Amino acid sequence: MFETSKKNKFESGIIIGIFILVITLIVYYICNALRLGTMSIVIALIFSIGSAWASYYYSDKIVLSLNKARPATKEENQELVNILDALMITSGLPARPRLYVVEDAQPNAFATGRNPENAVICVTTGLLEKLDYYELEGVIAHEMSHIKNYDIRLSCVVSVMVGFIVMLSDLFSRALFWGGVKDNDSDSKANGILMLVGLVFLILAPIFGSLMQLALSRKREFLADSTAVEFTRNPDGLISALEKLENDPNELETANSATANMYIINPFKKNGKKRTTNIWSTHPSTADRIEALRNLKY
């Protein structure tokens, strides 16, 4: 588990570096297209570093806002609070995660935050209503596993940054399409190369976003499932929970492609069924996860 945490911290640093590079090139291209001259690179660097800093330190608030989450209360969510308090003993987390609730009929959950000291576990009202004590315990243990393994930092940073890149690409693609790209008078070959690279990143940003999310290996879900069983000593609870989540017909109203990878199970539906797992899926199939959990029992 220590090696997994160390690897996730390293990968988070790499992704932040890639994010700064991509944003710098995109903004540099846009500034040159607007003929801002030598200030283009300065503006691009300030913008990319500033957005990376904000994405890292405020990623949890951004994700909670996107999902319209509200803080859980002890009065309304006593069982949830009790489960979390009990699991704090077996999980060994250094700090108690904050609890949030999303008003939605689909049973689902996710964890977010840049580290265990600033972690959040968010569940839907559908999860609280449809799962029994041991099923809910399995789901909360799964999310606490993501926190302990530092999966939350990686997934949260990727979700916010990828969403930002795609939004920036879409915004300026529309602006440049309607406004046109002005010719740049600079004869510098280096400047021309940077402009070309920036244009390529601007066009390919949506694809890049999907690939970055796929960098979150599906193995993380299997690892979180097995770690959750270590916390609860009860694989049946998580197995039953996954079965209920998979078979629930409700749509998740707040689901979006930027944060879908953070949920315990794929929140998107198609004709009342979960979308089938393919090469572009951020989650392994629920059947494979259940089979892996059953194998832990023997």
Protein backbone atom coordinates (compact mmCIF):
# COMPACT_ATOMS: atom_id res chain seq x y z
CA MET A 1 0.00 0.00 0.00
CA PHE A 2 2.92 2.35 0.73
CA GLU A 3 4.31 1.76 -2.76
CA THR A 4 0.89 2.50 -4.28
CA SER A 5 0.66 5.80 -2.38
CA LYS A 6 4.18 6.75 -3.44
CA LYS A 7 3.42 5.91 -7.08
CA ASN A 8 0.21 7.94 -7.04
CA LYS A 9 2.01 10.98 -5.60
CA PHE A 10 4.63 10.72 -8.36
CA GLU A 11 1.99 10.34 -11.08
CA SER A 12 0.11 13.36 -9.73
CA GLY A 13 3.26 15.45 -10.10
CA ILE A 14 3.77 14.23 -13.67
CA ILE A 15 0.15 15.03 -14.60
CA ILE A 16 0.42 18.54 -13.13
CA GLY A 17 3.58 19.08 -15.18
CA ILE A 18 1.85 17.89 -18.36
CA PHE A 19 -1.12 20.11 -17.58
CA ILE A 20 1.10 23.20 -17.24
CA LEU A 21 2.82 22.39 -20.56
CA VAL A 22 -0.45 21.84 -22.44
CA ILE A 23 -2.14 24.96 -21.06
CA THR A 24 0.99 27.04 -21.75
CA LEU A 25 1.06 25.94 -25.41
CA ILE A 26 -2.68 26.47 -25.90
CA VAL A 27 -2.69 29.94 -24.32
CA TYR A 28 0.53 30.86 -26.16
CA TYR A 29 -1.10 29.94 -29.46
CA ILE A 30 -4.20 31.97 -28.62
CA CYS A 31 -2.16 35.02 -27.55
CA ASN A 32 -0.13 34.89 -30.77
CA ALA A 33 -3.32 34.53 -32.79
CA LEU A 34 -4.51 37.71 -31.08
CA ARG A 35 -1.15 39.36 -31.90
CA LEU A 36 -0.08 40.05 -28.31
CA GLY A 37 3.58 39.82 -29.29
CA THR A 38 6.36 39.08 -26.82
CA MET A 39 3.93 39.13 -23.89
CA SER A 40 2.34 35.90 -25.17
CA ILE A 41 4.74 33.52 -23.40
CA VAL A 42 4.54 35.50 -20.13
CA ILE A 43 0.74 35.47 -20.20
CA ALA A 44 0.73 31.75 -21.07
CA LEU A 45 3.06 30.81 -18.19
CA ILE A 46 1.20 32.91 -15.62
CA PHE A 47 -2.15 31.52 -16.74
CA SER A 48 -1.01 27.87 -16.77
CA ILE A 49 0.79 27.97 -13.41
CA GLY A 50 -2.08 29.88 -11.80
CA SER A 51 -4.71 27.46 -13.10
CA ALA A 52 -2.62 24.45 -12.00
CA TRP A 53 -2.27 25.90 -8.48
CA ALA A 54 -6.00 26.60 -8.25
CA SER A 55 -6.88 23.14 -9.60
CA TYR A 56 -4.64 21.44 -7.04
CA TYR A 57 -5.70 23.39 -3.94
CA TYR A 58 -9.38 23.84 -4.78
CA SER A 59 -10.08 20.64 -6.72
CA ASP A 60 -12.24 19.17 -3.92
CA LYS A 61 -14.41 22.30 -3.73
CA ILE A 62 -14.76 22.35 -7.52
CA VAL A 63 -15.80 18.69 -7.65
CA LEU A 64 -18.30 19.08 -4.78
CA SER A 65 -19.78 22.14 -6.48
CA LEU A 66 -20.12 20.31 -9.81
CA ASN A 67 -22.00 17.52 -8.05
CA LYS A 68 -24.14 19.90 -5.97
CA ALA A 69 -23.10 18.23 -2.73
CA ARG A 70 -24.04 19.43 0.76
CA PRO A 71 -22.39 18.58 4.11
CA ALA A 72 -23.83 15.56 5.92
CA THR A 73 -25.18 16.12 9.43
CA LYS A 74 -25.12 13.84 12.45
CA GLU A 75 -28.83 14.40 12.99
CA GLU A 76 -29.87 13.32 9.48
CA ASN A 77 -27.10 10.82 8.70
CA GLN A 78 -26.37 9.11 12.01
CA GLU A 79 -25.74 5.67 10.49
CA LEU A 80 -23.28 7.08 7.96
CA VAL A 81 -21.40 8.94 10.70
CA ASN A 82 -21.27 5.81 12.89
CA ILE A 83 -19.88 3.69 10.03
CA LEU A 84 -17.17 6.24 9.28
CA ASP A 85 -16.17 6.51 12.94
CA ALA A 86 -15.91 2.72 13.25
CA LEU A 87 -13.82 2.39 10.08
CA MET A 88 -11.41 5.09 11.24
CA ILE A 89 -10.03 2.55 13.71
CA THR A 90 -9.29 -0.19 11.16
CA SER A 91 -8.29 2.07 8.25
CA GLY A 92 -5.48 3.88 10.04
CA LEU A 93 -6.24 7.18 8.28
CA PRO A 94 -4.46 10.15 9.89
CA ALA A 95 -7.56 12.39 9.72
CA ARG A 96 -11.31 11.91 9.60
CA PRO A 97 -12.73 12.58 6.10
CA ARG A 98 -15.57 15.09 5.82
CA LEU A 99 -18.92 13.66 4.76
CA TYR A 100 -21.08 15.12 1.99
CA VAL A 101 -24.40 14.09 0.45
CA VAL A 102 -25.79 14.53 -3.07
CA GLU A 103 -29.57 14.56 -3.50
CA ASP A 104 -29.97 11.87 -6.15
CA ALA A 105 -31.91 8.61 -6.46
CA GLN A 106 -29.04 6.64 -7.99
CA PRO A 107 -26.97 4.85 -5.30
CA ASN A 108 -23.35 5.94 -5.79
CA ALA A 109 -20.39 7.46 -3.96
CA PHE A 110 -16.97 9.00 -4.49
CA ALA A 111 -14.03 10.35 -2.52
CA THR A 112 -12.09 13.49 -3.32
CA GLY A 113 -9.41 15.80 -1.92
CA ARG A 114 -5.70 16.41 -2.43
CA ASN A 115 -4.57 14.26 0.53
CA PRO A 116 -5.96 12.28 3.51
CA GLU A 117 -5.87 15.39 5.70
CA ASN A 118 -8.21 17.21 3.28
CA ALA A 119 -10.33 14.27 2.14
CA VAL A 120 -14.05 14.15 1.47
CA ILE A 121 -16.40 11.20 1.07
CA CYS A 122 -19.59 11.98 -0.81
CA VAL A 123 -22.61 9.67 -1.10
CA THR A 124 -25.98 10.01 -2.79
CA THR A 125 -29.26 9.91 -0.91
CA GLY A 126 -30.11 6.88 -3.05
CA LEU A 127 -27.14 5.04 -1.54
CA LEU A 128 -28.29 5.85 2.00
CA GLU A 129 -31.85 4.75 1.29
CA LYS A 130 -31.20 1.53 -0.64
CA LEU A 131 -28.23 -0.07 1.12
CA ASP A 132 -28.27 -1.81 4.48
CA TYR A 133 -25.63 -1.25 7.18
CA TYR A 134 -23.04 -3.75 5.93
CA GLU A 135 -23.46 -2.76 2.28
CA LEU A 136 -23.00 0.90 3.16
CA GLU A 137 -19.99 -0.04 5.29
CA GLY A 138 -18.41 -1.77 2.28
CA VAL A 139 -18.89 1.31 0.07
CA ILE A 140 -17.48 3.72 2.67
CA ALA A 141 -14.51 1.38 3.23
CA HIS A 142 -13.90 1.37 -0.54
CA GLU A 143 -13.79 5.18 -0.61
CA MET A 144 -11.53 5.27 2.45
CA SER A 145 -9.18 2.92 0.58
CA HIS A 146 -8.93 5.46 -2.24
CA ILE A 147 -8.06 8.08 0.36
CA LYS A 148 -5.38 5.97 2.02
CA ASN A 149 -3.82 5.00 -1.33
CA TYR A 150 -3.78 8.66 -2.49
CA ASP A 151 -6.00 7.73 -5.45
CA ILE A 152 -8.11 10.77 -4.56
CA ARG A 153 -5.28 13.20 -5.34
CA LEU A 154 -4.67 11.65 -8.73
CA SER A 155 -8.32 11.31 -9.74
CA CYS A 156 -9.32 14.75 -8.45
CA VAL A 157 -6.41 16.56 -10.09
CA VAL A 158 -7.00 14.76 -13.38
CA SER A 159 -10.76 15.40 -13.32
CA VAL A 160 -10.44 19.13 -12.70
CA MET A 161 -7.48 19.71 -15.02
CA VAL A 162 -8.86 17.64 -17.87
CA GLY A 163 -12.21 19.37 -17.56
CA PHE A 164 -10.44 22.73 -17.62
CA ILE A 165 -8.39 21.83 -20.72
CA VAL A 166 -11.43 20.63 -22.63
CA MET A 167 -13.43 23.71 -21.60
CA LEU A 168 -10.59 26.03 -22.64
CA SER A 169 -10.20 24.24 -25.95
CA ASP A 170 -13.90 24.41 -26.72
CA LEU A 171 -14.18 28.08 -25.69
CA PHE A 172 -11.32 29.34 -27.82
CA SER A 173 -12.01 27.03 -30.74
CA ARG A 174 -15.41 28.69 -31.02
CA ALA A 175 -13.91 32.15 -30.59
CA LEU A 176 -11.23 31.59 -33.20
CA PHE A 177 -13.73 29.99 -35.58
CA TRP A 178 -16.02 33.00 -35.48
CA GLY A 179 -13.33 35.65 -35.16
CA GLY A 180 -10.68 34.16 -37.41
CA VAL A 181 -6.97 33.81 -36.75
CA LYS A 182 -4.85 36.86 -37.49
CA ASP A 183 -1.55 36.48 -39.26
CA ASN A 184 1.52 36.79 -37.12
CA ASP A 185 4.30 39.02 -38.48
CA SER A 186 7.05 37.18 -36.66
CA ASP A 187 9.55 35.36 -38.86
CA SER A 188 10.93 33.30 -36.01
CA LYS A 189 10.96 29.60 -36.82
CA ALA A 190 10.86 28.75 -33.10
CA ASN A 191 7.79 30.92 -32.67
CA GLY A 192 6.15 29.23 -35.65
CA ILE A 193 6.83 25.78 -34.20
CA LEU A 194 5.34 26.74 -30.84
CA MET A 195 2.29 28.17 -32.61
CA LEU A 196 1.85 24.94 -34.54
CA VAL A 197 2.22 22.78 -31.41
CA GLY A 198 -0.27 25.00 -29.59
CA LEU A 199 -2.77 24.64 -32.41
CA VAL A 200 -2.38 20.85 -32.38
CA PHE A 201 -2.99 20.72 -28.62
CA LEU A 202 -5.99 23.03 -29.01
CA ILE A 203 -7.56 20.72 -31.57
CA LEU A 204 -6.67 17.45 -29.84
CA ALA A 205 -7.43 18.57 -26.25
CA PRO A 206 -10.72 16.61 -25.95
CA ILE A 207 -8.95 13.38 -27.01
CA PHE A 208 -6.07 14.21 -24.71
CA GLY A 209 -8.57 14.62 -21.87
CA SER A 210 -9.98 11.15 -22.41
CA LEU A 211 -6.51 9.61 -22.53
CA MET A 212 -5.52 11.36 -19.31
CA GLN A 213 -8.53 9.93 -17.53
CA LEU A 214 -7.63 6.47 -18.81
CA ALA A 215 -4.26 6.96 -17.12
CA LEU A 216 -6.20 6.21 -13.95
CA SER A 217 -5.73 2.46 -14.13
CA ARG A 218 -8.75 0.24 -13.54
CA LYS A 219 -6.49 -1.68 -11.18
CA ARG A 220 -7.10 1.10 -8.65
CA GLU A 221 -10.71 -0.02 -8.30
CA PHE A 222 -9.69 -3.63 -7.71
CA LEU A 223 -7.10 -2.50 -5.15
CA ALA A 224 -9.65 -0.29 -3.37
CA ASP A 225 -12.12 -3.21 -3.26
CA SER A 226 -9.57 -5.57 -1.71
CA THR A 227 -8.36 -2.92 0.75
CA ALA A 228 -11.97 -2.26 1.77
CA VAL A 229 -12.32 -5.94 2.67
CA GLU A 230 -9.20 -5.63 4.84
CA PHE A 231 -10.94 -2.81 6.71
CA THR A 232 -14.32 -4.54 7.14
CA ARG A 233 -13.40 -8.26 7.08
CA ASN A 234 -16.68 -8.69 5.23
CA PRO A 235 -16.49 -9.11 1.42
CA ASP A 236 -20.20 -10.01 1.28
CA GLY A 237 -21.21 -6.48 2.23
CA LEU A 238 -19.31 -4.89 -0.66
CA ILE A 239 -20.37 -7.63 -3.09
CA SER A 240 -24.03 -7.06 -2.27
CA ALA A 241 -23.57 -3.29 -2.55
CA LEU A 242 -21.95 -3.54 -5.99
CA GLU A 243 -24.79 -5.77 -7.20
CA LYS A 244 -27.38 -3.23 -6.04
CA LEU A 245 -25.48 -0.33 -7.61
CA GLU A 246 -25.10 -2.18 -10.90
CA ASN A 247 -28.78 -3.12 -11.15
CA ASP A 248 -30.26 0.20 -10.06
CA PRO A 249 -32.16 1.80 -12.99
CA ASN A 250 -31.90 5.45 -11.93
CA GLU A 251 -29.92 8.11 -13.75
CA LEU A 252 -27.40 10.21 -11.82
CA GLU A 253 -28.57 13.75 -12.54
CA THR A 254 -25.28 15.42 -11.60
CA ALA A 255 -23.06 13.00 -13.55
CA ASN A 256 -20.58 14.49 -16.02
CA SER A 257 -17.70 13.08 -18.02
CA ALA A 258 -15.08 15.04 -16.06
CA THR A 259 -15.89 13.41 -12.70
CA ALA A 260 -17.40 10.06 -13.75
CA ASN A 261 -14.12 8.22 -13.06
CA MET A 262 -14.28 9.23 -9.39
CA TYR A 263 -17.46 7.30 -8.55
CA ILE A 264 -17.39 3.77 -7.13
CA ILE A 265 -19.35 2.62 -10.17
CA ASN A 266 -19.87 4.17 -13.60
CA PRO A 267 -22.73 6.68 -13.10
CA PHE A 268 -23.79 6.78 -16.74
CA LYS A 269 -26.69 4.73 -18.05
CA LYS A 270 -27.94 3.90 -21.50
CA ASN A 271 -31.55 2.83 -21.90
CA GLY A 272 -31.74 2.10 -18.18
CA LYS A 273 -28.60 -0.07 -18.17
CA LYS A 274 -24.98 0.54 -17.34
CA ARG A 275 -22.81 1.18 -20.36
CA THR A 276 -20.75 -1.85 -21.21
CA THR A 277 -17.08 -1.78 -20.33
CA ASN A 278 -14.73 -1.18 -23.25
CA ILE A 279 -11.22 0.10 -23.89
CA TRP A 280 -12.35 3.67 -23.12
CA SER A 281 -14.08 2.81 -19.83
CA THR A 282 -12.70 4.33 -16.62
CA HIS A 283 -14.15 1.45 -14.56
CA PRO A 284 -13.64 -2.32 -14.75
CA SER A 285 -16.82 -4.35 -15.18
CA THR A 286 -18.79 -4.87 -11.98
CA ALA A 287 -18.92 -8.61 -12.70
CA ASP A 288 -15.11 -8.78 -12.71
CA ARG A 289 -14.92 -6.84 -9.46
CA ILE A 290 -17.45 -9.13 -7.78
CA GLU A 291 -15.60 -12.20 -8.99
CA ALA A 292 -12.33 -10.83 -7.59
CA LEU A 293 -14.00 -10.17 -4.23
CA ARG A 294 -15.44 -13.69 -4.11
CA ASN A 295 -11.99 -15.09 -4.73
CA LEU A 296 -10.77 -13.24 -1.64
CA LYS A 297 -13.09 -15.38 0.49
CA TYR A 298 -11.26 -18.62 -0.33
